[in-house]
Amino acid sequence: MGTGYVITKQGMTMITHGLAGELKDDGIACNTLWPRTGIQTAAVKNLLGGDESMAKSRAPEIMADSAHVILTSEAKLTTDNFFLDDEVLISSGMTIDDLVTKYSPAKGFALSKLMPDFIC
């Protein structure tokens, strides 16, 4: 799984870079958003470790909230970027404490116990 995952991420990265160049003159931004940690999805639960992996993954809303920040940014200034979810939110004014409170798998969860995403 590791090789296939990395190859697909590389492909998405190259598509983002190519489309950003092709669409720049039209004022259309093209970016990529990656999770820094595991995200509580069906794939994580069913394929990547079940409840144990889910307990070490962030809530999926972190990706939605990060995407919203990117999608509402100035397209001409925000294109051809490869963002990490938590960095996007911190750049928009969230703090580490906000991230822990809103997206951690459990109250009082230690950031150091989060499962890193496979690409990070």
Protein backbone atom coordinates (compact mmCIF):
# COMPACT_ATOMS: atom_id res chain seq x y z
CA MET A 1 0.00 0.00 0.00
CA GLY A 2 2.80 2.45 0.79
CA THR A 3 4.18 2.55 -2.74
CA GLY A 4 0.78 2.96 -4.38
CA TYR A 5 -0.19 5.70 -1.93
CA VAL A 6 3.01 7.65 -2.55
CA ILE A 7 2.69 7.29 -6.33
CA THR A 8 -0.89 8.62 -6.29
CA LYS A 9 0.15 11.56 -4.09
CA GLN A 10 3.00 12.32 -6.50
CA GLY A 11 0.55 12.19 -9.41
CA MET A 12 -1.84 14.58 -7.67
CA THR A 13 1.05 16.92 -6.94
CA MET A 14 2.11 16.98 -10.59
CA ILE A 15 -1.48 17.54 -11.78
CA THR A 16 -1.82 20.45 -9.36
CA HIS A 17 1.40 22.02 -10.61
CA GLY A 18 0.42 21.56 -14.27
CA LEU A 19 -3.14 22.86 -13.89
CA ALA A 20 -1.95 25.87 -11.88
CA GLY A 21 0.22 26.87 -14.82
CA GLU A 22 -2.46 26.18 -17.42
CA LEU A 23 -5.24 28.04 -15.58
CA LYS A 24 -3.27 30.96 -14.14
CA ASP A 25 -4.20 33.39 -16.94
CA ASP A 26 -7.87 32.58 -16.38
CA GLY A 27 -7.62 33.53 -12.70
CA ILE A 28 -8.33 29.96 -11.57
CA ALA A 29 -6.29 28.64 -8.69
CA CYS A 30 -5.19 25.05 -8.35
CA ASN A 31 -3.80 23.82 -5.03
CA THR A 32 -3.38 20.60 -3.12
CA LEU A 33 -4.42 20.06 0.49
CA TRP A 34 -2.80 17.25 2.47
CA PRO A 35 -3.59 16.08 6.00
CA ARG A 36 -0.67 16.17 8.43
CA THR A 37 -2.18 13.33 10.44
CA GLY A 38 -4.58 10.48 9.93
CA ILE A 39 -8.16 11.61 9.38
CA GLN A 40 -11.13 9.72 10.83
CA THR A 41 -12.48 8.23 7.60
CA ALA A 42 -13.88 4.87 6.55
CA ALA A 43 -10.55 4.07 4.86
CA VAL A 44 -8.64 4.60 8.10
CA LYS A 45 -11.16 2.54 10.05
CA ASN A 46 -11.54 -0.31 7.56
CA LEU A 47 -8.10 -0.53 5.95
CA LEU A 48 -5.55 1.16 8.18
CA GLY A 49 -5.95 -0.12 11.70
CA GLY A 50 -9.57 0.04 12.80
CA ASP A 51 -10.51 1.68 16.06
CA GLU A 52 -6.88 2.04 17.14
CA SER A 53 -6.06 4.18 14.08
CA MET A 54 -9.30 6.14 14.42
CA ALA A 55 -8.35 6.96 18.02
CA LYS A 56 -5.10 8.51 16.74
CA SER A 57 -6.64 10.49 13.87
CA ARG A 58 -8.16 13.96 13.65
CA ALA A 59 -11.79 14.75 12.90
CA PRO A 60 -12.55 15.12 9.16
CA GLU A 61 -13.79 18.68 9.72
CA ILE A 62 -10.15 19.81 9.76
CA MET A 63 -9.97 19.12 6.03
CA ALA A 64 -13.28 20.87 5.31
CA ASP A 65 -12.31 23.93 7.34
CA SER A 66 -8.88 24.09 5.71
CA ALA A 67 -10.39 23.73 2.23
CA HIS A 68 -12.80 26.58 3.01
CA VAL A 69 -9.90 28.88 3.88
CA ILE A 70 -8.14 28.01 0.63
CA LEU A 71 -11.26 28.22 -1.55
CA THR A 72 -12.19 31.66 -0.22
CA SER A 73 -8.69 33.08 -0.67
CA GLU A 74 -7.61 35.28 -3.58
CA ALA A 75 -7.13 32.87 -6.52
CA LYS A 76 -4.41 34.93 -8.19
CA LEU A 77 -2.37 34.92 -4.97
CA THR A 78 -3.11 31.36 -3.87
CA THR A 79 -2.24 28.94 -6.63
CA ASP A 80 0.30 26.17 -7.20
CA ASN A 81 0.60 25.48 -3.47
CA PHE A 82 0.77 22.27 -1.52
CA PHE A 83 -0.90 22.95 1.82
CA LEU A 84 -1.02 21.01 5.08
CA ASP A 85 -4.38 21.25 6.84
CA ASP A 86 -3.18 22.53 10.20
CA GLU A 87 -0.80 25.09 8.66
CA VAL A 88 -3.68 26.57 6.67
CA LEU A 89 -5.80 26.97 9.78
CA ILE A 90 -2.95 28.43 11.83
CA SER A 91 -2.24 30.94 9.06
CA SER A 92 -5.90 31.99 9.24
CA GLY A 93 -5.68 32.75 12.96
CA MET A 94 -6.29 29.45 14.76
CA THR A 95 -3.96 28.47 17.56
CA ILE A 96 -2.57 25.05 18.41
CA ASP A 97 -4.99 24.96 21.34
CA ASP A 98 -7.88 25.65 18.93
CA LEU A 99 -6.75 22.75 16.74
CA VAL A 100 -6.54 20.40 19.70
CA THR A 101 -9.95 21.44 21.03
CA LYS A 102 -11.78 21.25 17.72
CA TYR A 103 -10.20 18.33 15.84
CA SER A 104 -8.57 15.92 18.32
CA PRO A 105 -10.07 12.43 18.58
CA ALA A 106 -10.74 12.84 22.32
CA LYS A 107 -10.76 15.56 24.94
CA GLY A 108 -7.32 16.07 26.46
CA PHE A 109 -5.63 14.12 23.66
CA ALA A 110 -1.86 14.70 23.29
CA LEU A 111 -0.78 15.97 19.86
CA SER A 112 2.28 13.73 20.01
CA LYS A 113 0.00 10.66 19.91
CA LEU A 114 -1.59 11.55 16.55
CA MET A 115 -0.89 9.14 13.73
CA PRO A 116 1.02 10.97 10.97
CA ASP A 117 -0.37 10.83 7.46
CA PHE A 118 1.57 8.43 5.27
CA ILE A 119 2.92 11.15 2.99
CA CYS A 120 4.24 13.41 5.79
